[in-house]
Amino acid sequence: NGVACHETNFEQSIHDSERIHYLAGYIKGFGEAMAEGVNLKGYFAWSLFDNFEWQYGLSKRFGIVYVNYTTLVRTPKDSANWYRRVIYSNGAEVFSNQ
């Protein structure tokens, strides 16, 4: 799953707290489901990179890595750094902030 954000400039794209909030909500839900016995084996965020999206074209961004569509330079967003900490902590980054 992922969230399409209308990010109008580089700074807004890099500091994507809306995406972090969205992903944290899903990961908290996974924790609750696992506590109730769901055998969840994995999860990945959609999408790693900003890309062309069939419904929105290039007007909204899905990725946790910003892509400059002119130069193709890639810059990790705040959500990428946050997600790295979530993975490294095996979810403790999310559940310790409840």
C-alpha atoms as a PDB file:
ATOM      1  CA  ASN A   1       0.000   0.000   0.000  1.00  0.00           C
ATOM      2  CA  GLY A   2       1.035   3.590  -0.358  1.00  0.00           C
ATOM      3  CA  VAL A   3      -0.244   7.116  -0.362  1.00  0.00           C
ATOM      4  CA  ALA A   4      -0.266   9.553  -3.264  1.00  0.00           C
ATOM      5  CA  CYS A   5       0.740  12.970  -2.002  1.00  0.00           C
ATOM      6  CA  HIS A   6       0.451  16.194  -3.942  1.00  0.00           C
ATOM      7  CA  GLU A   7       3.903  17.574  -3.224  1.00  0.00           C
ATOM      8  CA  THR A   8       4.359  20.863  -5.031  1.00  0.00           C
ATOM      9  CA  ASN A   9       8.037  21.498  -4.326  1.00  0.00           C
ATOM     10  CA  PHE A  10      11.255  19.765  -3.306  1.00  0.00           C
ATOM     11  CA  GLU A  11      11.091  20.781   0.377  1.00  0.00           C
ATOM     12  CA  GLN A  12       7.495  19.595   0.699  1.00  0.00           C
ATOM     13  CA  SER A  13       8.438  16.316  -0.962  1.00  0.00           C
ATOM     14  CA  ILE A  14      11.445  15.661   1.256  1.00  0.00           C
ATOM     15  CA  HIS A  15       9.636  16.475   4.521  1.00  0.00           C
ATOM     16  CA  ASP A  16       6.710  14.102   3.950  1.00  0.00           C
ATOM     17  CA  SER A  17       5.176  13.742   7.408  1.00  0.00           C
ATOM     18  CA  GLU A  18       1.808  12.861   5.846  1.00  0.00           C
ATOM     19  CA  ARG A  19       3.345   9.718   4.328  1.00  0.00           C
ATOM     20  CA  ILE A  20       5.038   8.759   7.611  1.00  0.00           C
ATOM     21  CA  HIS A  21       1.731   9.121   9.464  1.00  0.00           C
ATOM     22  CA  TYR A  22      -0.035   7.000   6.829  1.00  0.00           C
ATOM     23  CA  LEU A  23       2.546   4.208   6.887  1.00  0.00           C
ATOM     24  CA  ALA A  24       2.740   4.208  10.702  1.00  0.00           C
ATOM     25  CA  GLY A  25      -1.021   3.682  10.871  1.00  0.00           C
ATOM     26  CA  TYR A  26      -0.789   0.583   8.699  1.00  0.00           C
ATOM     27  CA  ILE A  27       2.168  -0.818  10.601  1.00  0.00           C
ATOM     28  CA  LYS A  28       0.343  -0.307  13.914  1.00  0.00           C
ATOM     29  CA  GLY A  29      -2.592  -2.195  12.406  1.00  0.00           C
ATOM     30  CA  PHE A  30      -0.285  -5.046  11.430  1.00  0.00           C
ATOM     31  CA  GLY A  31       0.948  -5.239  15.028  1.00  0.00           C
ATOM     32  CA  GLU A  32      -2.624  -5.432  16.310  1.00  0.00           C
ATOM     33  CA  ALA A  33      -3.488  -8.149  13.789  1.00  0.00           C
ATOM     34  CA  MET A  34      -0.410 -10.169  14.747  1.00  0.00           C
ATOM     35  CA  ALA A  35      -1.311  -9.837  18.443  1.00  0.00           C
ATOM     36  CA  GLU A  36      -4.661 -11.427  17.532  1.00  0.00           C
ATOM     37  CA  GLY A  37      -2.953 -14.345  15.800  1.00  0.00           C
ATOM     38  CA  VAL A  38      -2.608 -13.249  12.172  1.00  0.00           C
ATOM     39  CA  ASN A  39       0.455 -14.926  10.657  1.00  0.00           C
ATOM     40  CA  LEU A  40       1.954 -11.876   8.940  1.00  0.00           C
ATOM     41  CA  LYS A  41       5.310 -12.621   7.321  1.00  0.00           C
ATOM     42  CA  GLY A  42       6.254  -9.330   5.706  1.00  0.00           C
ATOM     43  CA  TYR A  43       5.397  -5.892   4.412  1.00  0.00           C
ATOM     44  CA  PHE A  44       6.847  -3.392   1.978  1.00  0.00           C
ATOM     45  CA  ALA A  45       5.967   0.207   1.304  1.00  0.00           C
ATOM     46  CA  TRP A  46       4.694   1.221  -2.117  1.00  0.00           C
ATOM     47  CA  SER A  47       6.626   2.709  -3.740  1.00  0.00           C
ATOM     48  CA  LEU A  48      10.349   3.011  -3.254  1.00  0.00           C
ATOM     49  CA  PHE A  49      10.718   5.710  -5.944  1.00  0.00           C
ATOM     50  CA  ASP A  50       8.434   8.457  -7.181  1.00  0.00           C
ATOM     51  CA  ASN A  51       7.119   7.239 -10.511  1.00  0.00           C
ATOM     52  CA  PHE A  52       4.538   7.762 -13.211  1.00  0.00           C
ATOM     53  CA  GLU A  53       1.198   6.664 -11.806  1.00  0.00           C
ATOM     54  CA  TRP A  54      -1.486   5.609 -14.262  1.00  0.00           C
ATOM     55  CA  GLN A  55      -4.274   7.603 -12.586  1.00  0.00           C
ATOM     56  CA  TYR A  56      -2.333  10.757 -11.622  1.00  0.00           C
ATOM     57  CA  GLY A  57       0.550  10.867 -14.098  1.00  0.00           C
ATOM     58  CA  LEU A  58       3.361  12.835 -12.495  1.00  0.00           C
ATOM     59  CA  SER A  59       1.090  15.130 -10.469  1.00  0.00           C
ATOM     60  CA  LYS A  60       1.273  13.074  -7.258  1.00  0.00           C
ATOM     61  CA  ARG A  61       4.192  11.234  -5.701  1.00  0.00           C
ATOM     62  CA  PHE A  62       4.108   7.812  -4.073  1.00  0.00           C
ATOM     63  CA  GLY A  63       7.753   7.130  -3.337  1.00  0.00           C
ATOM     64  CA  ILE A  64       9.800   7.299  -0.185  1.00  0.00           C
ATOM     65  CA  VAL A  65      12.662   8.426  -2.434  1.00  0.00           C
ATOM     66  CA  TYR A  66      12.244  11.720  -4.317  1.00  0.00           C
ATOM     67  CA  VAL A  67      13.049  11.580  -8.041  1.00  0.00           C
ATOM     68  CA  ASN A  68      13.863  14.763  -9.919  1.00  0.00           C
ATOM     69  CA  TYR A  69      12.158  13.936 -13.215  1.00  0.00           C
ATOM     70  CA  THR A  70      14.486  16.230 -15.187  1.00  0.00           C
ATOM     71  CA  THR A  71      17.864  15.118 -13.831  1.00  0.00           C
ATOM     72  CA  LEU A  72      16.784  11.718 -12.395  1.00  0.00           C
ATOM     73  CA  VAL A  73      18.675  12.548  -9.181  1.00  0.00           C
ATOM     74  CA  ARG A  74      17.223  10.543  -6.302  1.00  0.00           C
ATOM     75  CA  THR A  75      16.994  11.915  -2.750  1.00  0.00           C
ATOM     76  CA  PRO A  76      15.693   9.898   0.229  1.00  0.00           C
ATOM     77  CA  LYS A  77      12.683  11.551   1.871  1.00  0.00           C
ATOM     78  CA  ASP A  78      12.087  11.738   5.613  1.00  0.00           C
ATOM     79  CA  SER A  79       9.807   8.708   5.183  1.00  0.00           C
ATOM     80  CA  ALA A  80      12.711   6.662   3.770  1.00  0.00           C
ATOM     81  CA  ASN A  81      14.848   7.446   6.793  1.00  0.00           C
ATOM     82  CA  TRP A  82      11.922   6.733   9.118  1.00  0.00           C
ATOM     83  CA  TYR A  83      11.146   3.426   7.365  1.00  0.00           C
ATOM     84  CA  ARG A  84      14.801   2.399   7.639  1.00  0.00           C
ATOM     85  CA  ARG A  85      14.586   2.929  11.415  1.00  0.00           C
ATOM     86  CA  VAL A  86      11.326   0.918  11.534  1.00  0.00           C
ATOM     87  CA  ILE A  87      12.983  -1.976   9.718  1.00  0.00           C
ATOM     88  CA  TYR A  88      16.130  -1.804  11.831  1.00  0.00           C
ATOM     89  CA  SER A  89      14.111  -1.730  15.076  1.00  0.00           C
ATOM     90  CA  ASN A  90      11.729  -4.490  13.892  1.00  0.00           C
ATOM     91  CA  GLY A  91       8.824  -2.087  14.368  1.00  0.00           C
ATOM     92  CA  ALA A  92       9.833  -0.663  17.756  1.00  0.00           C
ATOM     93  CA  GLU A  93      10.180   2.773  16.105  1.00  0.00           C
ATOM     94  CA  VAL A  94       6.424   2.712  15.498  1.00  0.00           C
ATOM     95  CA  PHE A  95       5.183   1.060  18.655  1.00  0.00           C
ATOM     96  CA  SER A  96       7.320   3.079  21.070  1.00  0.00           C
ATOM     97  CA  ASN A  97       5.619   6.276  19.798  1.00  0.00           C
ATOM     98  CA  GLN A  98       2.038   5.201  20.598  1.00  0.00           C
END
